[in-house]
Amino acid sequence: MGVGFAGIPLRELGLVILVAAAITYLSTGIIRTVMVKSGRLNEIRERDVHVIPKPRLGGVAMFSGFLGAVFLADQLPALTRGFMPITPEMNAVIWAGFVIVVVGALDDLFDLDAITKLVGQVIGAVTMSLLGLTWSILYVPFGGGTTLLLDQVQSTILTSLFTVALINALNFVDGLDGLSAGVGMIAGAAILLFSLTILFDQNGAVSAYPPAIIAAALVGICAGVLPHNFEPSRIFMGDSGSMLIGLLLAAASTSASGKINMSLYDAADFIALISPIIVVLAAVAIPLLDLVMAVVRRVGRGASPFSPDKMHLHHRLLSIGHTHRRVVLVLYTWASAVAFGAVSFSVVPPLFATGSSICGILIAVAVTAVPVMKSRRAAKLD
């Protein structure tokens, strides 16, 4: 699918990113000051890798940045068509985000149990679906290709399961400074790029605006919190931040996945036909993989799937010799290689996309293996 961005509101979306980043950055500093002065610092837990108590609640600042960016988008003539009464999706994600941030903030302050958090996540996901941001059409590419129309119950269940899975995936991966925010920013950027291709192919159709706006705001809030959160961090996002990132990724992915125009392709163009599915899964592949491995690992030993441990991907990378900061950069590399590799099939010819994807994965493998190669070289010298 060739792409040219003539007529696409790139400057407006860029402004959304900048405003989201600026408000988040400033709000995070204010919240950190308030939390430190009030003495609300998190206790060091056994599974934590940091050793200095720091404040949480960065997610509240991120949601402030998201609201500010969305308000701006609603005032811009080029983007306002993505809002009510034309489409309900932006309204849905705002209210769902409010529910998720309230639940996350309560956990940041009072350490809610896993079941209470899960109930809150489900309420947020169902709220988003019932208010109009839902997976109502599902394309199945096998057997010649079939488009399934989902009823309200089916779409609510599918959307809620997907949303809760992503919320927990980003929550689980939030174990190192800057990891969840960086992965969220990379995934959001990939979905934003994919949304721009949809906008182009749909000639700026109204339905194609919400995923681009959501993804742009997500990129902005992650960029805004990273200067405070990257190692060595001064404040943690907390569950209010990581769960918000998961929700917004689910919202942008769900919105984008139903907007592709299948009539632009023939049945032989298999990769392009399933590109929405690939992009959605690839953009969040790293946190989803970590989530699945954690659940299998914990259930396999007879523990609750929500019980914490020190066997996440970032813990494993630390154990083979990577530093705290290098682990984060390694996972950034993997997330970028997989997410943008998938998106490239919607932007450039398949041969070039395949080559660039392979190169990206090889670079990620090489970066991951650096400590192992160094230790082997040292062993030979000894």
Protein backbone atom coordinates (compact mmCIF):
# COMPACT_ATOMS: atom_id res chain seq x y z
CA MET A 1 0.00 0.00 0.00
CA GLY A 2 1.74 3.14 -1.19
CA VAL A 3 1.51 6.10 1.13
CA GLY A 4 1.61 9.84 0.62
CA PHE A 5 0.42 12.18 3.32
CA ALA A 6 -0.98 15.07 1.25
CA GLY A 7 -4.02 16.49 2.99
CA ILE A 8 -3.37 14.61 6.26
CA PRO A 9 -3.28 16.94 9.33
CA LEU A 10 0.34 16.23 10.24
CA ARG A 11 1.00 19.66 11.77
CA GLU A 12 -2.11 19.42 13.94
CA LEU A 13 -1.22 15.94 15.14
CA GLY A 14 2.32 17.14 15.82
CA LEU A 15 0.86 19.95 17.92
CA VAL A 16 -1.21 17.39 19.85
CA ILE A 17 2.00 15.48 20.62
CA LEU A 18 3.83 18.61 21.77
CA VAL A 19 0.98 19.84 24.00
CA ALA A 20 0.54 16.40 25.57
CA ALA A 21 4.28 16.22 26.25
CA ALA A 22 4.51 19.75 27.68
CA ILE A 23 1.52 19.44 30.02
CA THR A 24 2.64 15.99 31.19
CA TYR A 25 6.21 17.16 31.82
CA LEU A 26 5.12 20.19 33.86
CA SER A 27 2.38 18.32 35.74
CA THR A 28 4.73 15.48 36.65
CA GLY A 29 7.15 17.93 38.27
CA ILE A 30 4.32 19.48 40.30
CA ILE A 31 2.99 16.11 41.46
CA ARG A 32 6.48 14.94 42.39
CA THR A 33 7.02 18.05 44.53
CA VAL A 34 3.68 17.59 46.31
CA MET A 35 4.28 13.88 46.93
CA VAL A 36 7.81 14.40 48.27
CA LYS A 37 6.76 17.23 50.60
CA SER A 38 3.86 15.15 51.93
CA GLY A 39 6.18 12.18 52.50
CA ARG A 40 4.20 9.84 50.21
CA LEU A 41 7.08 7.69 48.97
CA ASN A 42 6.65 4.05 47.95
CA GLU A 43 8.20 1.32 50.05
CA ILE A 44 10.88 -0.93 48.56
CA ARG A 45 9.38 -4.31 47.67
CA GLU A 46 11.25 -7.60 47.26
CA ARG A 47 10.68 -7.68 43.48
CA ASP A 48 11.84 -4.07 42.96
CA VAL A 49 15.22 -3.31 41.41
CA HIS A 50 15.49 0.23 42.77
CA VAL A 51 16.84 0.87 46.27
CA ILE A 52 15.72 4.46 46.97
CA PRO A 53 12.08 5.25 47.89
CA LYS A 54 10.45 7.49 45.30
CA PRO A 55 6.98 8.98 44.80
CA ARG A 56 4.40 7.40 42.49
CA LEU A 57 1.24 8.88 40.91
CA GLY A 58 2.91 10.02 37.68
CA GLY A 59 -0.08 8.63 35.82
CA VAL A 60 -2.25 11.50 37.08
CA ALA A 61 0.05 13.95 35.33
CA MET A 62 -0.06 11.81 32.20
CA PHE A 63 -3.85 11.85 32.18
CA SER A 64 -3.75 15.63 32.60
CA GLY A 65 -1.55 15.80 29.51
CA PHE A 66 -3.90 13.52 27.62
CA LEU A 67 -6.95 15.63 28.51
CA GLY A 68 -5.15 18.82 27.51
CA ALA A 69 -4.11 17.36 24.16
CA VAL A 70 -7.60 16.01 23.45
CA PHE A 71 -9.16 19.38 24.33
CA LEU A 72 -6.77 21.07 21.91
CA ALA A 73 -7.58 18.56 19.16
CA ASP A 74 -11.28 19.27 19.60
CA GLN A 75 -10.61 22.98 18.97
CA LEU A 76 -8.58 22.44 15.79
CA PRO A 77 -10.72 22.55 12.62
CA ALA A 78 -8.64 19.81 10.99
CA LEU A 79 -9.19 17.37 13.90
CA THR A 80 -12.56 18.27 15.41
CA ARG A 81 -14.35 15.83 13.10
CA GLY A 82 -12.99 13.05 15.29
CA PHE A 83 -15.25 14.08 18.18
CA MET A 84 -18.89 13.99 19.26
CA PRO A 85 -21.49 14.21 17.82
CA ILE A 86 -19.77 12.88 14.69
CA THR A 87 -18.08 9.94 16.41
CA PRO A 88 -18.28 8.85 20.10
CA GLU A 89 -14.85 7.23 20.33
CA MET A 90 -12.96 10.13 21.91
CA ASN A 91 -15.66 10.57 24.53
CA ALA A 92 -15.45 6.84 25.29
CA VAL A 93 -11.69 6.81 25.81
CA ILE A 94 -11.80 9.88 28.07
CA TRP A 95 -14.31 8.32 30.47
CA ALA A 96 -12.58 4.94 30.40
CA GLY A 97 -9.27 6.68 31.08
CA PHE A 98 -10.81 8.48 34.04
CA VAL A 99 -11.95 5.16 35.54
CA ILE A 100 -8.55 3.54 35.01
CA VAL A 101 -6.57 6.47 36.43
CA VAL A 102 -8.79 6.62 39.54
CA VAL A 103 -8.25 2.89 40.14
CA GLY A 104 -4.51 3.24 39.49
CA ALA A 105 -4.18 6.30 41.73
CA LEU A 106 -5.93 4.49 44.59
CA ASP A 107 -3.49 1.62 44.14
CA ASP A 108 -0.52 4.01 44.06
CA LEU A 109 -1.68 5.55 47.33
CA PHE A 110 -3.17 2.58 49.22
CA ASP A 111 -1.94 -0.62 47.46
CA LEU A 112 -5.18 -2.24 46.31
CA ASP A 113 -5.38 -6.03 46.09
CA ALA A 114 -5.20 -7.70 42.67
CA ILE A 115 -8.91 -8.58 42.47
CA THR A 116 -10.01 -5.01 43.21
CA LYS A 117 -7.68 -3.70 40.52
CA LEU A 118 -8.95 -6.27 38.04
CA VAL A 119 -12.55 -5.28 38.73
CA GLY A 120 -11.61 -1.64 38.15
CA GLN A 121 -9.88 -2.54 34.89
CA VAL A 122 -12.95 -4.43 33.68
CA ILE A 123 -15.20 -1.49 34.56
CA GLY A 124 -12.96 0.85 32.58
CA ALA A 125 -12.84 -1.50 29.59
CA VAL A 126 -16.61 -2.08 29.57
CA THR A 127 -17.20 1.67 29.91
CA MET A 128 -15.09 2.30 26.81
CA SER A 129 -16.97 -0.35 24.84
CA LEU A 130 -20.47 0.71 25.89
CA LEU A 131 -19.73 4.36 25.10
CA GLY A 132 -18.87 3.52 21.51
CA LEU A 133 -15.21 2.55 21.16
CA THR A 134 -15.55 -1.12 20.41
CA TRP A 135 -14.41 -3.92 18.15
CA SER A 136 -17.67 -4.22 16.16
CA ILE A 137 -16.14 -5.67 12.98
CA LEU A 138 -13.64 -8.51 12.95
CA TYR A 139 -11.85 -9.49 9.74
CA VAL A 140 -10.78 -13.14 9.48
CA PRO A 141 -8.34 -13.54 6.56
CA PHE A 142 -8.48 -17.33 6.33
CA GLY A 143 -10.68 -19.33 3.96
CA GLY A 144 -10.84 -16.55 1.39
CA GLY A 145 -11.47 -13.83 3.97
CA THR A 146 -14.57 -13.19 6.04
CA THR A 147 -15.84 -10.08 7.78
CA LEU A 148 -17.70 -10.84 11.00
CA LEU A 149 -20.23 -8.35 12.34
CA LEU A 150 -20.31 -8.54 16.13
CA ASP A 151 -23.37 -7.73 18.21
CA GLN A 152 -23.22 -5.53 21.33
CA VAL A 153 -22.50 -8.41 23.72
CA GLN A 154 -19.82 -9.98 21.50
CA SER A 155 -18.10 -6.69 20.79
CA THR A 156 -18.15 -5.69 24.48
CA ILE A 157 -16.64 -9.01 25.55
CA LEU A 158 -13.95 -8.96 22.85
CA THR A 159 -13.04 -5.32 23.43
CA SER A 160 -12.97 -5.72 27.21
CA LEU A 161 -10.78 -8.84 27.11
CA PHE A 162 -8.33 -7.18 24.73
CA THR A 163 -8.26 -3.98 26.78
CA VAL A 164 -7.75 -5.71 30.13
CA ALA A 165 -4.98 -7.83 28.59
CA LEU A 166 -3.11 -4.75 27.38
CA ILE A 167 -3.63 -2.88 30.65
CA ASN A 168 -2.05 -5.76 32.56
CA ALA A 169 0.68 -6.27 29.97
CA LEU A 170 1.90 -2.68 30.34
CA ASN A 171 1.45 -2.90 34.10
CA PHE A 172 3.53 -6.08 34.28
CA VAL A 173 6.33 -4.66 32.15
CA ASP A 174 6.60 -1.55 34.34
CA GLY A 175 9.46 -2.86 36.42
CA LEU A 176 12.34 -0.61 35.38
CA ASP A 177 12.70 3.16 35.10
CA GLY A 178 11.35 4.34 31.76
CA LEU A 179 10.48 0.88 30.44
CA SER A 180 6.70 1.07 30.27
CA ALA A 181 6.68 4.70 29.10
CA GLY A 182 9.23 4.01 26.37
CA VAL A 183 7.53 0.86 25.12
CA GLY A 184 4.20 2.70 25.19
CA MET A 185 5.66 5.59 23.19
CA ILE A 186 7.13 3.23 20.58
CA ALA A 187 3.91 1.24 20.26
CA GLY A 188 1.89 4.45 20.11
CA ALA A 189 4.13 5.83 17.36
CA ALA A 190 3.72 2.62 15.35
CA ILE A 191 -0.07 2.78 15.65
CA LEU A 192 0.02 6.49 14.78
CA LEU A 193 1.95 5.75 11.59
CA PHE A 194 -0.51 3.00 10.72
CA SER A 195 -3.43 5.35 11.43
CA LEU A 196 -1.94 7.90 9.02
CA THR A 197 -1.91 5.28 6.26
CA ILE A 198 -5.59 4.62 6.99
CA LEU A 199 -6.37 8.34 6.86
CA PHE A 200 -4.67 8.56 3.50
CA ASP A 201 -6.40 5.51 2.05
CA GLN A 202 -9.79 6.65 3.40
CA ASN A 203 -9.27 10.18 2.01
CA GLY A 204 -9.58 11.69 5.48
CA ALA A 205 -12.75 9.80 6.44
CA VAL A 206 -14.25 10.88 9.78
CA SER A 207 -13.95 7.40 11.30
CA ALA A 208 -10.18 7.36 10.73
CA TYR A 209 -9.41 10.37 12.95
CA PRO A 210 -9.85 8.96 16.51
CA PRO A 211 -7.05 6.35 16.36
CA ALA A 212 -4.61 8.98 15.07
CA ILE A 213 -5.58 11.49 17.79
CA ILE A 214 -5.41 8.87 20.57
CA ALA A 215 -2.04 7.55 19.37
CA ALA A 216 -0.60 11.07 19.01
CA ALA A 217 -1.70 12.01 22.54
CA LEU A 218 -0.26 8.73 23.85
CA VAL A 219 3.12 9.41 22.23
CA GLY A 220 3.08 12.88 23.78
CA ILE A 221 2.30 11.87 27.35
CA CYS A 222 4.93 9.12 27.26
CA ALA A 223 7.51 11.57 25.91
CA GLY A 224 6.54 14.05 28.61
CA VAL A 225 6.94 11.67 31.53
CA LEU A 226 10.18 10.01 30.32
CA PRO A 227 12.54 12.85 31.40
CA HIS A 228 11.24 12.33 34.95
CA ASN A 229 10.98 8.54 34.73
CA PHE A 230 14.06 7.39 32.78
CA GLU A 231 16.86 5.86 34.84
CA PRO A 232 17.66 7.26 37.34
CA SER A 233 14.02 8.25 37.78
CA ARG A 234 12.72 10.96 40.08
CA ILE A 235 9.13 9.70 40.10
CA PHE A 236 7.34 6.49 39.12
CA MET A 237 4.30 6.42 36.85
CA GLY A 238 2.73 3.91 39.20
CA ASP A 239 -0.24 1.79 38.17
CA SER A 240 -2.11 4.97 37.31
CA GLY A 241 0.41 5.54 34.51
CA SER A 242 1.14 2.04 33.24
CA MET A 243 -2.54 1.08 33.19
CA LEU A 244 -3.40 4.32 31.37
CA ILE A 245 -0.81 3.50 28.68
CA GLY A 246 -2.32 0.02 28.29
CA LEU A 247 -5.83 1.44 27.98
CA LEU A 248 -4.80 4.03 25.38
CA LEU A 249 -2.92 1.41 23.35
CA ALA A 250 -6.02 -0.77 23.42
CA ALA A 251 -8.21 2.18 22.43
CA ALA A 252 -5.99 3.26 19.54
CA SER A 253 -5.53 -0.34 18.36
CA THR A 254 -9.23 -1.17 18.59
CA SER A 255 -10.18 2.02 16.78
CA ALA A 256 -7.57 1.53 14.03
CA SER A 257 -8.29 -2.16 13.46
CA GLY A 258 -11.84 -1.49 12.25
CA LYS A 259 -10.91 1.31 9.87
CA ILE A 260 -8.91 -0.51 7.19
CA ASN A 261 -10.57 -0.50 3.74
CA MET A 262 -10.37 -4.13 2.61
CA SER A 263 -11.61 -3.23 -0.86
CA LEU A 264 -8.18 -1.74 -1.60
CA TYR A 265 -6.63 -5.22 -1.71
CA ASP A 266 -7.11 -8.48 -3.51
CA ALA A 267 -7.14 -11.86 -1.81
CA ALA A 268 -3.56 -12.62 -2.85
CA ASP A 269 -2.18 -9.69 -0.85
CA PHE A 270 -2.24 -11.67 2.39
CA ILE A 271 0.18 -9.53 4.39
CA ALA A 272 -1.66 -6.32 3.58
CA LEU A 273 -5.03 -7.91 4.30
CA ILE A 274 -4.04 -8.92 7.83
CA SER A 275 -1.95 -5.79 8.47
CA PRO A 276 -4.40 -4.43 11.09
CA ILE A 277 -4.06 -7.64 13.10
CA ILE A 278 -0.28 -7.72 12.70
CA VAL A 279 0.20 -4.07 13.67
CA VAL A 280 -2.06 -4.31 16.71
CA LEU A 281 -0.29 -7.41 18.02
CA ALA A 282 3.22 -6.32 17.02
CA ALA A 283 2.90 -2.90 18.62
CA VAL A 284 2.36 -4.54 22.01
CA ALA A 285 4.21 -7.81 21.36
CA ILE A 286 6.89 -7.36 24.04
CA PRO A 287 4.57 -6.58 26.99
CA LEU A 288 2.06 -9.22 25.82
CA LEU A 289 4.81 -11.84 25.64
CA ASP A 290 5.93 -10.93 29.14
CA LEU A 291 2.33 -11.13 30.38
CA VAL A 292 1.72 -14.58 28.86
CA MET A 293 5.02 -15.93 30.19
CA ALA A 294 4.25 -14.56 33.67
CA VAL A 295 0.76 -16.11 33.78
CA VAL A 296 2.00 -19.51 32.53
CA ARG A 297 4.92 -19.44 34.94
CA ARG A 298 2.84 -18.55 37.99
CA VAL A 299 -0.08 -20.84 37.27
CA GLY A 300 2.39 -23.65 36.52
CA ARG A 301 3.77 -23.47 40.03
CA GLY A 302 0.29 -23.24 41.58
CA ALA A 303 0.41 -19.52 42.35
CA SER A 304 -1.99 -16.73 41.45
CA PRO A 305 -1.34 -15.23 37.98
CA PHE A 306 -1.21 -11.83 39.74
CA SER A 307 1.40 -12.84 42.32
CA PRO A 308 4.60 -10.80 41.81
CA ASP A 309 7.97 -12.36 41.04
CA LYS A 310 11.39 -11.43 39.64
CA MET A 311 11.20 -13.49 36.43
CA HIS A 312 9.95 -10.86 33.99
CA LEU A 313 11.88 -10.23 30.77
CA HIS A 314 13.67 -7.25 32.29
CA HIS A 315 14.74 -9.33 35.29
CA ARG A 316 16.14 -12.01 32.95
CA LEU A 317 18.10 -9.42 30.98
CA LEU A 318 19.54 -8.04 34.21
CA SER A 319 20.61 -11.54 35.20
CA ILE A 320 22.67 -12.09 32.03
CA GLY A 321 24.72 -8.96 32.67
CA HIS A 322 22.87 -5.95 31.24
CA THR A 323 22.80 -2.78 33.32
CA HIS A 324 19.50 -1.22 34.37
CA ARG A 325 19.62 1.39 31.61
CA ARG A 326 20.85 -1.06 28.96
CA VAL A 327 17.96 -3.46 29.69
CA VAL A 328 15.52 -0.65 28.95
CA LEU A 329 17.31 0.22 25.71
CA VAL A 330 17.38 -3.44 24.66
CA LEU A 331 13.62 -3.75 25.14
CA TYR A 332 13.14 -0.45 23.29
CA THR A 333 15.09 -1.97 20.39
CA TRP A 334 12.95 -5.11 20.34
CA ALA A 335 9.72 -3.13 20.56
CA SER A 336 10.83 -0.84 17.71
CA ALA A 337 11.98 -3.72 15.50
CA VAL A 338 8.74 -5.67 15.86
CA ALA A 339 6.26 -2.77 15.82
CA PHE A 340 7.75 -0.73 12.99
CA GLY A 341 8.62 -3.89 11.07
CA ALA A 342 4.92 -4.75 11.04
CA VAL A 343 3.87 -1.23 10.08
CA SER A 344 6.37 -1.16 7.22
CA PHE A 345 4.25 -3.69 5.30
CA SER A 346 1.55 -1.03 5.10
CA VAL A 347 3.95 1.71 4.00
CA VAL A 348 6.57 0.27 1.62
CA PRO A 349 6.75 -2.64 -0.87
CA PRO A 350 6.73 -6.11 0.81
CA LEU A 351 10.29 -6.98 -0.25
CA PHE A 352 11.74 -3.84 1.33
CA ALA A 353 9.53 -4.27 4.40
CA THR A 354 10.71 -7.86 4.85
CA GLY A 355 14.36 -6.85 4.53
CA SER A 356 14.07 -3.97 6.97
CA SER A 357 12.18 -6.15 9.46
CA ILE A 358 14.87 -8.81 9.35
CA CYS A 359 17.59 -6.19 9.82
CA GLY A 360 15.76 -4.73 12.81
CA ILE A 361 15.40 -8.12 14.48
CA LEU A 362 19.06 -8.98 13.85
CA ILE A 363 20.10 -5.69 15.45
CA ALA A 364 17.88 -6.44 18.46
CA VAL A 365 19.40 -9.93 18.79
CA ALA A 366 22.92 -8.51 18.62
CA VAL A 367 22.19 -5.84 21.23
CA THR A 368 20.63 -8.45 23.53
CA ALA A 369 23.60 -10.81 23.22
CA VAL A 370 26.32 -8.23 24.02
CA PRO A 371 26.89 -9.29 27.67
CA VAL A 372 26.98 -12.98 26.73
CA MET A 373 29.56 -12.36 24.01
CA LYS A 374 31.66 -10.25 26.38
CA SER A 375 31.63 -12.92 29.07
CA ARG A 376 32.62 -15.63 26.59
CA ARG A 377 35.45 -13.48 25.26
CA ALA A 378 36.65 -12.85 28.81
CA ALA A 379 36.48 -16.58 29.59
CA LYS A 380 38.65 -17.37 26.55
CA LEU A 381 41.23 -14.79 27.60
CA ASP A 382 41.39 -16.34 31.07
